Amino acid sequence: MAKRGLLKFEYAVTIVVVFAVLLLIIPVDIESTVQANFISRWNDKYQKLEYMFDVIDTHESDEILKSFKRAKNAEEREAILLNLIQPYLRLTKTKLPRRYNPKFMNGERISLTDRYYFEDMYVSDNGMIVGIKDIDSPDERAPKFRIMMDINGKLPPNIWGKDIFGVNIFSNGVEAFGSNLPMEKLKLDCSELGTGVGCSYYYKIGGGFDD
């Protein structure tokens, strides 16, 4: 009887150990799957932006450039860009109320003066949040706009490099944030020690979230 009781005890211990291991593994596996889905959706949105600017460059670039030049202020330029990207990203023209507080990957909050702070944000018909920022620079090589995309909208984590990504808009196309960084700095930025902004380019070139 004592031996049978010992076997039952060992069996129970084994079950507890296996269950504990599963509890440790499953959340990591779920997180990896969710992150892989965010990256896939980001790459899809980026390709749509690239396609959009290819179409514009082929058919409408002169007229659109004239429209931007005629615009009197940042608000008018933003309205022109919004009309351009609206059908590709399926945006509504309703601005997002200011109850949305994204963070950098290292946990730091984004200040009002940060280059990655977006005051004007819009919602797509599938819930994605899109921010648009006009860049008023006399340098022709500088971006004209910045665009951020929170792939799953207000749902968490609302963190750059997790579910938030972005691009610079130039007169001749788009570039993902981080494209100007060397690989060593890019990998550091796309980590818990960095902002996560560079993940936008890092994932585009095939980098992994578990590297």
N, C-alpha and C. Protein backbone atom coordinates (compact mmCIF):
# COMPACT_ATOMS: atom_id res chain seq x y z
N MET A 1 0.83 -1.21 0.00
CA MET A 1 0.00 0.00 0.00
C MET A 1 0.86 1.25 0.00
N ALA A 2 2.00 1.18 0.78
CA ALA A 2 2.89 2.34 0.85
C ALA A 2 3.51 2.63 -0.50
N LYS A 3 3.85 1.52 -1.22
CA LYS A 3 4.46 1.68 -2.56
C LYS A 3 3.46 2.30 -3.51
N ARG A 4 2.20 1.84 -3.44
CA ARG A 4 1.16 2.40 -4.31
C ARG A 4 0.95 3.89 -4.02
N GLY A 5 0.97 4.26 -2.73
CA GLY A 5 0.82 5.66 -2.36
C GLY A 5 1.98 6.50 -2.86
N LEU A 6 3.18 5.91 -2.84
CA LEU A 6 4.37 6.62 -3.33
C LEU A 6 4.26 6.87 -4.83
N LEU A 7 3.76 5.86 -5.55
CA LEU A 7 3.58 6.00 -6.99
C LEU A 7 2.58 7.10 -7.32
N LYS A 8 1.50 7.13 -6.56
CA LYS A 8 0.49 8.18 -6.78
C LYS A 8 1.08 9.56 -6.53
N PHE A 9 1.92 9.65 -5.48
CA PHE A 9 2.56 10.93 -5.16
C PHE A 9 3.50 11.36 -6.29
N GLU A 10 4.31 10.40 -6.78
CA GLU A 10 5.23 10.72 -7.87
C GLU A 10 4.46 11.13 -9.13
N TYR A 11 3.34 10.45 -9.38
CA TYR A 11 2.51 10.77 -10.55
C TYR A 11 1.95 12.19 -10.43
N ALA A 12 1.50 12.53 -9.21
CA ALA A 12 0.94 13.87 -8.99
C ALA A 12 2.01 14.94 -9.16
N VAL A 13 3.22 14.67 -8.65
CA VAL A 13 4.32 15.62 -8.78
C VAL A 13 4.67 15.83 -10.24
N THR A 14 4.68 14.73 -11.00
CA THR A 14 4.99 14.82 -12.44
C THR A 14 3.99 15.70 -13.16
N ILE A 15 2.71 15.51 -12.83
CA ILE A 15 1.66 16.31 -13.47
C ILE A 15 1.84 17.79 -13.12
N VAL A 16 2.14 18.08 -11.87
CA VAL A 16 2.34 19.46 -11.43
C VAL A 16 3.52 20.09 -12.16
N VAL A 17 4.62 19.35 -12.31
CA VAL A 17 5.81 19.86 -13.00
C VAL A 17 5.51 20.14 -14.47
N VAL A 18 4.84 19.19 -15.11
CA VAL A 18 4.49 19.37 -16.52
C VAL A 18 3.58 20.58 -16.70
N PHE A 19 2.61 20.71 -15.80
CA PHE A 19 1.69 21.84 -15.88
C PHE A 19 2.43 23.17 -15.69
N ALA A 20 3.38 23.19 -14.75
CA ALA A 20 4.15 24.41 -14.50
C ALA A 20 4.99 24.79 -15.71
N VAL A 21 5.59 23.78 -16.35
CA VAL A 21 6.38 24.04 -17.56
C VAL A 21 5.51 24.59 -18.68
N LEU A 22 4.30 24.02 -18.83
CA LEU A 22 3.37 24.51 -19.85
C LEU A 22 2.98 25.96 -19.60
N LEU A 23 2.78 26.30 -18.32
CA LEU A 23 2.43 27.68 -17.98
C LEU A 23 3.54 28.65 -18.36
N LEU A 24 4.77 28.19 -18.29
CA LEU A 24 5.91 29.02 -18.66
C LEU A 24 6.06 29.16 -20.17
N ILE A 25 5.78 28.06 -20.88
CA ILE A 25 6.01 28.02 -22.32
C ILE A 25 4.88 28.67 -23.11
N ILE A 26 3.65 28.37 -22.75
CA ILE A 26 2.50 28.81 -23.55
C ILE A 26 2.40 30.32 -23.71
N PRO A 27 2.55 31.13 -22.63
CA PRO A 27 2.47 32.59 -22.82
C PRO A 27 3.51 33.11 -23.80
N VAL A 28 4.74 32.56 -23.75
CA VAL A 28 5.80 32.98 -24.67
C VAL A 28 5.42 32.63 -26.10
N ASP A 29 4.88 31.43 -26.28
CA ASP A 29 4.49 30.99 -27.60
C ASP A 29 3.36 31.85 -28.15
N ILE A 30 2.39 32.20 -27.30
CA ILE A 30 1.27 33.05 -27.72
C ILE A 30 1.78 34.44 -28.09
N GLU A 31 2.69 34.98 -27.26
CA GLU A 31 3.25 36.31 -27.53
C GLU A 31 3.99 36.32 -28.86
N SER A 32 4.75 35.26 -29.13
CA SER A 32 5.48 35.17 -30.40
C SER A 32 4.53 35.14 -31.58
N THR A 33 3.44 34.40 -31.44
CA THR A 33 2.46 34.30 -32.52
C THR A 33 1.79 35.65 -32.77
N VAL A 34 1.44 36.34 -31.70
CA VAL A 34 0.81 37.66 -31.82
C VAL A 34 1.77 38.64 -32.49
N GLN A 35 3.05 38.63 -32.06
CA GLN A 35 4.03 39.54 -32.64
C GLN A 35 4.26 39.24 -34.11
N ALA A 36 4.32 37.96 -34.46
CA ALA A 36 4.49 37.59 -35.87
C ALA A 36 3.33 38.10 -36.71
N ASN A 37 2.14 38.08 -36.14
CA ASN A 37 0.96 38.59 -36.84
C ASN A 37 1.05 40.09 -37.05
N PHE A 38 1.51 40.83 -36.02
CA PHE A 38 1.70 42.28 -36.15
C PHE A 38 2.70 42.59 -37.27
N ILE A 39 3.80 41.86 -37.29
CA ILE A 39 4.84 42.10 -38.29
C ILE A 39 4.31 41.83 -39.69
N SER A 40 3.56 40.75 -39.84
CA SER A 40 2.98 40.41 -41.15
C SER A 40 2.04 41.51 -41.62
N ARG A 41 1.21 42.00 -40.72
CA ARG A 41 0.25 43.06 -41.08
C ARG A 41 0.98 44.37 -41.39
N TRP A 42 2.06 44.66 -40.65
CA TRP A 42 2.84 45.86 -40.93
C TRP A 42 3.46 45.79 -42.33
N ASN A 43 4.04 44.65 -42.67
CA ASN A 43 4.64 44.50 -44.00
C ASN A 43 3.60 44.67 -45.09
N ASP A 44 2.39 44.20 -44.83
CA ASP A 44 1.30 44.37 -45.80
C ASP A 44 0.95 45.85 -45.98
N LYS A 45 0.86 46.59 -44.88
CA LYS A 45 0.55 48.03 -44.96
C LYS A 45 1.67 48.78 -45.68
N TYR A 46 2.90 48.40 -45.40
CA TYR A 46 4.03 49.07 -46.04
C TYR A 46 4.00 48.86 -47.55
N GLN A 47 3.70 47.64 -47.96
CA GLN A 47 3.62 47.35 -49.39
C GLN A 47 2.51 48.16 -50.06
N LYS A 48 1.42 48.38 -49.35
CA LYS A 48 0.33 49.20 -49.92
C LYS A 48 0.78 50.64 -50.10
N LEU A 49 1.55 51.16 -49.14
CA LEU A 49 2.06 52.52 -49.27
C LEU A 49 3.05 52.62 -50.44
N GLU A 50 3.91 51.63 -50.56
CA GLU A 50 4.86 51.62 -51.69
C GLU A 50 4.11 51.60 -53.02
N TYR A 51 3.10 50.74 -53.09
CA TYR A 51 2.30 50.65 -54.32
C TYR A 51 1.61 51.97 -54.62
N MET A 52 1.07 52.60 -53.57
CA MET A 52 0.37 53.86 -53.76
C MET A 52 1.30 54.90 -54.37
N PHE A 53 2.51 55.02 -53.85
CA PHE A 53 3.42 56.03 -54.37
C PHE A 53 3.97 55.66 -55.74
N ASP A 54 4.04 54.38 -56.04
CA ASP A 54 4.41 53.97 -57.41
C ASP A 54 3.35 54.44 -58.40
N VAL A 55 2.08 54.27 -58.02
CA VAL A 55 0.97 54.70 -58.87
C VAL A 55 0.99 56.22 -59.04
N ILE A 56 1.18 56.92 -57.92
CA ILE A 56 1.21 58.38 -57.97
C ILE A 56 2.36 58.86 -58.84
N ASP A 57 3.53 58.25 -58.67
CA ASP A 57 4.71 58.66 -59.43
C ASP A 57 4.52 58.43 -60.92
N THR A 58 3.77 57.39 -61.27
CA THR A 58 3.56 57.06 -62.68
C THR A 58 2.50 57.94 -63.33
N HIS A 59 1.43 58.27 -62.59
CA HIS A 59 0.27 58.91 -63.22
C HIS A 59 -0.04 60.33 -62.75
N GLU A 60 0.28 60.63 -61.49
CA GLU A 60 -0.26 61.88 -60.93
C GLU A 60 0.77 62.76 -60.23
N SER A 61 2.04 62.45 -60.32
CA SER A 61 3.02 63.12 -59.47
C SER A 61 3.07 64.62 -59.68
N ASP A 62 3.04 65.08 -60.92
CA ASP A 62 3.14 66.52 -61.19
C ASP A 62 1.98 67.29 -60.58
N GLU A 63 0.76 66.79 -60.79
CA GLU A 63 -0.42 67.48 -60.28
C GLU A 63 -0.46 67.49 -58.76
N ILE A 64 -0.05 66.38 -58.15
CA ILE A 64 -0.05 66.30 -56.69
C ILE A 64 1.00 67.23 -56.09
N LEU A 65 2.17 67.27 -56.70
CA LEU A 65 3.21 68.19 -56.22
C LEU A 65 2.73 69.64 -56.31
N LYS A 66 2.02 69.97 -57.38
CA LYS A 66 1.46 71.32 -57.52
C LYS A 66 0.46 71.60 -56.41
N SER A 67 -0.35 70.58 -56.07
CA SER A 67 -1.35 70.75 -55.00
C SER A 67 -0.67 71.04 -53.67
N PHE A 68 0.41 70.31 -53.37
CA PHE A 68 1.14 70.54 -52.13
C PHE A 68 1.75 71.94 -52.10
N LYS A 69 2.27 72.37 -53.23
CA LYS A 69 2.88 73.70 -53.29
C LYS A 69 1.84 74.81 -53.13
N ARG A 70 0.63 74.55 -53.61
CA ARG A 70 -0.43 75.55 -53.48
C ARG A 70 -1.01 75.62 -52.07
N ALA A 71 -0.80 74.55 -51.29
CA ALA A 71 -1.34 74.50 -49.93
C ALA A 71 -0.75 75.62 -49.09
N LYS A 72 -1.59 76.27 -48.31
CA LYS A 72 -1.17 77.46 -47.56
C LYS A 72 -0.54 77.12 -46.21
N ASN A 73 -0.85 75.94 -45.68
CA ASN A 73 -0.34 75.61 -44.35
C ASN A 73 -0.29 74.09 -44.17
N ALA A 74 0.19 73.69 -42.99
CA ALA A 74 0.34 72.26 -42.70
C ALA A 74 -1.00 71.54 -42.72
N GLU A 75 -2.05 72.21 -42.27
CA GLU A 75 -3.37 71.58 -42.23
C GLU A 75 -3.86 71.24 -43.64
N GLU A 76 -3.64 72.14 -44.59
CA GLU A 76 -4.05 71.87 -45.97
C GLU A 76 -3.21 70.75 -46.59
N ARG A 77 -1.90 70.75 -46.31
CA ARG A 77 -1.05 69.68 -46.84
C ARG A 77 -1.45 68.33 -46.26
N GLU A 78 -1.77 68.32 -44.97
CA GLU A 78 -2.21 67.08 -44.34
C GLU A 78 -3.50 66.57 -44.96
N ALA A 79 -4.42 67.48 -45.27
CA ALA A 79 -5.69 67.09 -45.90
C ALA A 79 -5.46 66.46 -47.27
N ILE A 80 -4.50 67.00 -48.02
CA ILE A 80 -4.18 66.43 -49.34
C ILE A 80 -3.63 65.01 -49.18
N LEU A 81 -2.68 64.85 -48.23
CA LEU A 81 -2.11 63.51 -48.01
C LEU A 81 -3.17 62.54 -47.53
N LEU A 82 -4.04 62.99 -46.65
CA LEU A 82 -5.11 62.13 -46.14
C LEU A 82 -5.99 61.62 -47.28
N ASN A 83 -6.32 62.50 -48.23
CA ASN A 83 -7.12 62.09 -49.37
C ASN A 83 -6.40 61.05 -50.22
N LEU A 84 -5.07 61.17 -50.30
CA LEU A 84 -4.30 60.24 -51.11
C LEU A 84 -4.26 58.84 -50.50
N ILE A 85 -3.99 58.78 -49.19
CA ILE A 85 -3.80 57.47 -48.57
C ILE A 85 -5.10 56.83 -48.10
N GLN A 86 -6.17 57.62 -48.06
CA GLN A 86 -7.45 57.12 -47.54
C GLN A 86 -7.92 55.81 -48.19
N PRO A 87 -7.96 55.72 -49.53
CA PRO A 87 -8.47 54.48 -50.11
C PRO A 87 -7.54 53.28 -49.93
N TYR A 88 -6.24 53.54 -49.76
CA TYR A 88 -5.28 52.44 -49.62
C TYR A 88 -5.26 51.88 -48.21
N LEU A 89 -5.46 52.74 -47.22
CA LEU A 89 -5.46 52.31 -45.83
C LEU A 89 -6.87 52.27 -45.24
N ARG A 90 -7.87 52.58 -46.07
CA ARG A 90 -9.29 52.52 -45.69
C ARG A 90 -9.56 53.36 -44.45
N LEU A 91 -9.10 54.61 -44.51
CA LEU A 91 -9.25 55.51 -43.38
C LEU A 91 -10.60 56.23 -43.39
N THR A 92 -11.10 56.49 -42.22
CA THR A 92 -12.20 57.44 -42.07
C THR A 92 -11.54 58.81 -41.91
N LYS A 93 -12.33 59.87 -41.98
CA LYS A 93 -11.77 61.21 -41.80
C LYS A 93 -12.06 61.74 -40.40
N THR A 94 -12.44 60.83 -39.51
CA THR A 94 -12.71 61.21 -38.13
C THR A 94 -11.42 61.14 -37.32
N LYS A 95 -11.07 62.25 -36.69
CA LYS A 95 -9.87 62.27 -35.87
C LYS A 95 -10.08 61.49 -34.59
N LEU A 96 -9.02 60.84 -34.14
CA LEU A 96 -9.07 60.05 -32.92
C LEU A 96 -9.08 60.97 -31.71
N PRO A 97 -10.00 60.77 -30.75
CA PRO A 97 -9.97 61.55 -29.51
C PRO A 97 -8.66 61.31 -28.76
N ARG A 98 -8.21 62.27 -27.97
CA ARG A 98 -6.90 62.18 -27.34
C ARG A 98 -6.88 61.28 -26.12
N ARG A 99 -7.37 60.09 -26.22
CA ARG A 99 -7.27 59.12 -25.14
C ARG A 99 -6.47 57.92 -25.64
N TYR A 100 -5.27 58.21 -26.04
CA TYR A 100 -4.41 57.18 -26.64
C TYR A 100 -2.98 57.58 -26.32
N ASN A 101 -2.25 56.72 -25.58
CA ASN A 101 -0.92 57.08 -25.09
C ASN A 101 0.10 56.00 -25.41
N PRO A 102 0.62 56.00 -26.64
CA PRO A 102 1.63 55.00 -27.00
C PRO A 102 2.95 55.25 -26.28
N LYS A 103 3.77 54.20 -26.21
CA LYS A 103 5.08 54.28 -25.57
C LYS A 103 6.16 53.72 -26.48
N PHE A 104 7.40 54.06 -26.15
CA PHE A 104 8.53 53.43 -26.81
C PHE A 104 8.74 52.04 -26.24
N MET A 105 9.53 51.22 -26.93
CA MET A 105 9.73 49.85 -26.50
C MET A 105 10.43 49.76 -25.15
N ASN A 106 11.28 50.74 -24.83
CA ASN A 106 11.98 50.72 -23.55
C ASN A 106 11.11 51.25 -22.40
N GLY A 107 9.86 51.53 -22.68
CA GLY A 107 8.92 51.95 -21.64
C GLY A 107 8.78 53.45 -21.47
N GLU A 108 9.62 54.22 -22.16
CA GLU A 108 9.54 55.68 -22.02
C GLU A 108 8.29 56.23 -22.71
N ARG A 109 7.71 57.25 -22.09
CA ARG A 109 6.56 57.92 -22.69
C ARG A 109 7.02 58.85 -23.80
N ILE A 110 6.13 59.15 -24.72
CA ILE A 110 6.45 60.03 -25.84
C ILE A 110 6.00 61.44 -25.50
N SER A 111 6.95 62.37 -25.47
CA SER A 111 6.64 63.74 -25.09
C SER A 111 6.02 64.50 -26.26
N LEU A 112 5.38 65.62 -25.95
CA LEU A 112 4.73 66.43 -26.98
C LEU A 112 5.73 67.00 -27.99
N THR A 113 6.99 67.11 -27.59
CA THR A 113 8.01 67.69 -28.47
C THR A 113 8.79 66.63 -29.23
N ASP A 114 8.50 65.37 -29.00
CA ASP A 114 9.24 64.29 -29.66
C ASP A 114 8.89 64.22 -31.14
N ARG A 115 9.86 63.87 -31.96
CA ARG A 115 9.59 63.77 -33.40
C ARG A 115 8.59 62.66 -33.73
N TYR A 116 8.41 61.72 -32.80
CA TYR A 116 7.46 60.64 -33.04
C TYR A 116 6.15 60.83 -32.26
N TYR A 117 5.91 62.06 -31.84
CA TYR A 117 4.60 62.40 -31.29
C TYR A 117 3.71 62.85 -32.44
N PHE A 118 2.51 62.28 -32.50
CA PHE A 118 1.55 62.59 -33.56
C PHE A 118 0.30 63.18 -32.94
N GLU A 119 0.02 64.42 -33.27
CA GLU A 119 -1.17 65.08 -32.73
C GLU A 119 -2.42 64.68 -33.50
N ASP A 120 -2.29 64.56 -34.84
CA ASP A 120 -3.45 64.25 -35.67
C ASP A 120 -3.45 62.78 -36.04
N MET A 121 -4.45 62.06 -35.53
CA MET A 121 -4.55 60.63 -35.77
C MET A 121 -5.96 60.27 -36.23
N TYR A 122 -6.01 59.26 -37.09
CA TYR A 122 -7.27 58.85 -37.70
C TYR A 122 -7.44 57.34 -37.53
N VAL A 123 -8.66 56.88 -37.74
CA VAL A 123 -8.98 55.46 -37.55
C VAL A 123 -9.42 54.86 -38.89
N SER A 124 -8.92 53.66 -39.18
CA SER A 124 -9.35 52.97 -40.39
C SER A 124 -10.63 52.19 -40.07
N ASP A 125 -11.27 51.68 -41.12
CA ASP A 125 -12.53 50.97 -40.87
C ASP A 125 -12.33 49.61 -40.21
N ASN A 126 -11.07 49.17 -40.07
CA ASN A 126 -10.82 47.94 -39.31
C ASN A 126 -10.17 48.22 -37.96
N GLY A 127 -10.17 49.51 -37.55
CA GLY A 127 -9.72 49.87 -36.21
C GLY A 127 -8.28 50.32 -36.10
N MET A 128 -7.51 50.22 -37.18
CA MET A 128 -6.11 50.66 -37.14
C MET A 128 -6.05 52.17 -36.91
N ILE A 129 -5.08 52.61 -36.11
CA ILE A 129 -4.87 54.04 -35.88
C ILE A 129 -3.73 54.52 -36.77
N VAL A 130 -3.94 55.61 -37.48
CA VAL A 130 -2.92 56.18 -38.37
C VAL A 130 -2.68 57.63 -37.99
N GLY A 131 -1.44 57.96 -37.68
CA GLY A 131 -1.06 59.33 -37.37
C GLY A 131 -0.35 59.97 -38.55
N ILE A 132 -0.62 61.24 -38.79
CA ILE A 132 0.01 61.99 -39.89
C ILE A 132 0.66 63.24 -39.31
N LYS A 133 1.91 63.48 -39.70
CA LYS A 133 2.64 64.64 -39.21
C LYS A 133 3.31 65.36 -40.37
N ASP A 134 2.96 66.62 -40.58
CA ASP A 134 3.58 67.42 -41.63
C ASP A 134 4.97 67.88 -41.18
N ILE A 135 5.95 67.77 -42.08
CA ILE A 135 7.32 68.19 -41.78
C ILE A 135 7.63 69.41 -42.63
N ASP A 136 7.70 70.54 -41.98
CA ASP A 136 7.96 71.79 -42.69
C ASP A 136 9.46 72.06 -42.70
N SER A 137 10.13 71.63 -43.75
CA SER A 137 11.58 71.78 -43.84
C SER A 137 11.96 72.32 -45.21
N PRO A 138 12.88 73.28 -45.28
CA PRO A 138 13.32 73.80 -46.57
C PRO A 138 14.25 72.83 -47.30
N ASP A 139 14.75 71.82 -46.57
CA ASP A 139 15.66 70.85 -47.17
C ASP A 139 14.87 69.89 -48.07
N GLU A 140 15.20 69.89 -49.35
CA GLU A 140 14.49 69.02 -50.30
C GLU A 140 14.71 67.54 -50.01
N ARG A 141 15.80 67.23 -49.31
CA ARG A 141 16.09 65.82 -49.00
C ARG A 141 15.35 65.33 -47.76
N ALA A 142 14.78 66.25 -47.01
CA ALA A 142 14.05 65.88 -45.79
C ALA A 142 12.69 65.29 -46.14
N PRO A 143 12.15 64.45 -45.25
CA PRO A 143 10.80 63.92 -45.50
C PRO A 143 9.76 65.03 -45.48
N LYS A 144 8.68 64.83 -46.23
CA LYS A 144 7.59 65.80 -46.26
C LYS A 144 6.56 65.52 -45.16
N PHE A 145 6.41 64.24 -44.84
CA PHE A 145 5.47 63.81 -43.79
C PHE A 145 6.06 62.61 -43.06
N ARG A 146 5.54 62.38 -41.86
CA ARG A 146 5.74 61.11 -41.16
C ARG A 146 4.37 60.49 -40.94
N ILE A 147 4.33 59.17 -41.08
CA ILE A 147 3.09 58.44 -40.83
C ILE A 147 3.36 57.31 -39.85
N MET A 148 2.53 57.20 -38.83
CA MET A 148 2.61 56.06 -37.90
C MET A 148 1.36 55.22 -38.03
N MET A 149 1.49 53.93 -37.76
CA MET A 149 0.35 53.02 -37.81
C MET A 149 0.36 52.12 -36.60
N ASP A 150 -0.71 52.17 -35.81
CA ASP A 150 -0.90 51.21 -34.74
C ASP A 150 -1.80 50.12 -35.31
N ILE A 151 -1.19 48.99 -35.59
CA ILE A 151 -1.84 47.93 -36.37
C ILE A 151 -3.16 47.47 -35.76
N ASN A 152 -3.22 47.36 -34.43
CA ASN A 152 -4.48 46.89 -33.81
C ASN A 152 -5.18 47.99 -33.02
N GLY A 153 -4.90 49.24 -33.40
CA GLY A 153 -5.64 50.36 -32.83
C GLY A 153 -5.43 50.56 -31.34
N LYS A 154 -6.52 50.82 -30.63
CA LYS A 154 -6.42 51.14 -29.20
C LYS A 154 -6.08 49.92 -28.34
N LEU A 155 -6.21 48.73 -28.90
CA LEU A 155 -5.89 47.54 -28.12
C LEU A 155 -4.41 47.54 -27.77
N PRO A 156 -4.04 46.98 -26.61
CA PRO A 156 -2.63 46.95 -26.22
C PRO A 156 -1.82 46.04 -27.16
N PRO A 157 -0.50 46.23 -27.21
CA PRO A 157 0.30 46.95 -26.20
C PRO A 157 0.50 48.44 -26.49
N ASN A 158 0.20 48.94 -27.69
CA ASN A 158 0.42 50.36 -28.05
C ASN A 158 1.87 50.77 -27.83
N ILE A 159 2.77 49.96 -28.34
CA ILE A 159 4.21 50.17 -28.17
C ILE A 159 4.90 50.15 -29.53
N TRP A 160 5.80 51.13 -29.73
CA TRP A 160 6.59 51.15 -30.96
C TRP A 160 7.41 49.87 -31.09
N GLY A 161 7.34 49.27 -32.27
CA GLY A 161 8.07 48.04 -32.52
C GLY A 161 7.31 46.79 -32.15
N LYS A 162 6.23 46.95 -31.38
CA LYS A 162 5.35 45.83 -31.06
C LYS A 162 4.16 45.85 -32.02
N ASP A 163 3.29 46.87 -31.85
CA ASP A 163 2.15 47.01 -32.76
C ASP A 163 2.12 48.37 -33.45
N ILE A 164 3.16 49.20 -33.20
CA ILE A 164 3.23 50.52 -33.85
C ILE A 164 4.46 50.60 -34.75
N PHE A 165 4.25 51.06 -35.97
CA PHE A 165 5.33 51.18 -36.95
C PHE A 165 5.13 52.47 -37.74
N GLY A 166 6.12 52.86 -38.55
CA GLY A 166 5.95 54.10 -39.28
C GLY A 166 6.89 54.29 -40.44
N VAL A 167 6.58 55.33 -41.23
CA VAL A 167 7.37 55.63 -42.43
C VAL A 167 7.57 57.14 -42.56
N ASN A 168 8.65 57.49 -43.24
CA ASN A 168 8.86 58.85 -43.72
C ASN A 168 8.34 58.92 -45.15
N ILE A 169 7.63 60.00 -45.46
CA ILE A 169 7.12 60.22 -46.81
C ILE A 169 7.98 61.28 -47.49
N PHE A 170 8.61 60.89 -48.58
CA PHE A 170 9.41 61.81 -49.37
C PHE A 170 8.66 62.16 -50.66
N SER A 171 9.16 63.12 -51.38
CA SER A 171 8.48 63.52 -52.62
C SER A 171 8.51 62.40 -53.66
N ASN A 172 9.44 61.44 -53.49
CA ASN A 172 9.55 60.37 -54.49
C ASN A 172 9.32 58.98 -53.91
N GLY A 173 8.73 58.90 -52.73
CA GLY A 173 8.45 57.56 -52.19
C GLY A 173 8.44 57.51 -50.67
N VAL A 174 8.53 56.30 -50.13
CA VAL A 174 8.46 56.09 -48.69
C VAL A 174 9.68 55.32 -48.20
N GLU A 175 10.03 55.54 -46.94
CA GLU A 175 11.09 54.77 -46.28
C GLU A 175 10.65 54.48 -44.85
N ALA A 176 10.81 53.24 -44.44
CA ALA A 176 10.44 52.87 -43.07
C ALA A 176 11.38 53.54 -42.08
N PHE A 177 10.85 53.89 -40.91
CA PHE A 177 11.69 54.46 -39.86
C PHE A 177 12.83 53.48 -39.54
N GLY A 178 14.02 54.03 -39.42
CA GLY A 178 15.18 53.20 -39.09
C GLY A 178 16.05 52.86 -40.28
N SER A 179 15.61 53.25 -41.48
CA SER A 179 16.37 52.89 -42.69
C SER A 179 17.72 53.58 -42.76
N ASN A 180 17.90 54.64 -41.96
CA ASN A 180 19.16 55.38 -41.96
C ASN A 180 20.16 54.85 -40.93
N LEU A 181 19.77 53.83 -40.15
CA LEU A 181 20.64 53.32 -39.09
C LEU A 181 21.49 52.15 -39.58
N PRO A 182 22.75 52.07 -39.14
CA PRO A 182 23.55 50.87 -39.42
C PRO A 182 22.96 49.68 -38.68
N MET A 183 23.26 48.48 -39.13
CA MET A 183 22.61 47.29 -38.59
C MET A 183 22.78 47.14 -37.08
N GLU A 184 23.96 47.44 -36.56
CA GLU A 184 24.19 47.28 -35.12
C GLU A 184 23.26 48.18 -34.31
N LYS A 185 23.14 49.44 -34.72
CA LYS A 185 22.26 50.37 -34.02
C LYS A 185 20.80 50.03 -34.26
N LEU A 186 20.49 49.52 -35.45
CA LEU A 186 19.12 49.13 -35.77
C LEU A 186 18.64 48.01 -34.85
N LYS A 187 19.48 47.00 -34.67
CA LYS A 187 19.12 45.88 -33.80
C LYS A 187 18.97 46.33 -32.35
N LEU A 188 19.84 47.27 -31.91
CA LEU A 188 19.75 47.78 -30.55
C LEU A 188 18.46 48.57 -30.35
N ASP A 189 18.11 49.38 -31.35
CA ASP A 189 16.89 50.18 -31.25
C ASP A 189 15.65 49.29 -31.26
N CYS A 190 15.73 48.19 -31.98
CA CYS A 190 14.60 47.25 -32.04
C CYS A 190 14.75 46.21 -30.93
N SER A 191 14.91 46.68 -29.71
CA SER A 191 15.05 45.81 -28.55
C SER A 191 14.48 46.52 -27.34
N GLU A 192 14.43 45.83 -26.21
CA GLU A 192 13.90 46.42 -24.99
C GLU A 192 14.75 47.59 -24.49
N LEU A 193 15.96 47.74 -25.03
CA LEU A 193 16.83 48.85 -24.65
C LEU A 193 16.62 50.09 -25.52
N GLY A 194 15.90 49.93 -26.63
CA GLY A 194 15.73 51.02 -27.58
C GLY A 194 14.32 51.53 -27.64
N THR A 195 14.09 52.41 -28.62
CA THR A 195 12.76 53.00 -28.77
C THR A 195 11.77 52.07 -29.45
N GLY A 196 12.29 51.16 -30.28
CA GLY A 196 11.41 50.30 -31.07
C GLY A 196 11.01 50.92 -32.39
N VAL A 197 11.34 52.20 -32.60
CA VAL A 197 10.99 52.87 -33.85
C VAL A 197 11.68 52.21 -35.04
N GLY A 198 12.95 51.83 -34.84
CA GLY A 198 13.71 51.21 -35.92
C GLY A 198 13.20 49.84 -36.35
N CYS A 199 12.32 49.25 -35.54
CA CYS A 199 11.73 47.95 -35.92
C CYS A 199 10.98 48.05 -37.25
N SER A 200 10.49 49.25 -37.55
CA SER A 200 9.72 49.45 -38.79
C SER A 200 10.55 49.02 -40.00
N TYR A 201 11.84 49.35 -39.99
CA TYR A 201 12.72 48.96 -41.09
C TYR A 201 13.33 47.58 -40.84
N TYR A 202 13.67 47.31 -39.58
CA TYR A 202 14.31 46.04 -39.23
C TYR A 202 13.47 44.84 -39.64
N TYR A 203 12.16 44.91 -39.38
CA TYR A 203 11.29 43.80 -39.76
C TYR A 203 11.09 43.75 -41.27
N LYS A 204 11.12 44.91 -41.91
CA LYS A 204 10.95 44.96 -43.36
C LYS A 204 12.07 44.21 -44.08
N ILE A 205 13.28 44.27 -43.53
CA ILE A 205 14.42 43.61 -44.19
C ILE A 205 14.63 42.18 -43.66
N GLY A 206 13.67 41.69 -42.91
CA GLY A 206 13.73 40.28 -42.49
C GLY A 206 14.24 40.04 -41.10
N GLY A 207 14.46 41.09 -40.31
CA GLY A 207 14.89 40.91 -38.92
C GLY A 207 13.80 40.23 -38.11
N GLY A 208 14.21 39.51 -37.07
CA GLY A 208 13.24 38.80 -36.24
C GLY A 208 13.06 39.44 -34.90
N PHE A 209 11.87 39.34 -34.32
CA PHE A 209 11.60 39.95 -33.03
C PHE A 209 12.28 39.19 -31.90
N ASP A 210 12.79 37.98 -32.19
CA ASP A 210 13.46 37.19 -31.15
C ASP A 210 14.96 37.14 -31.36
N ASP A 211 15.50 38.00 -32.25
CA ASP A 211 16.95 38.02 -32.51
C ASP A 211 17.70 38.56 -31.30
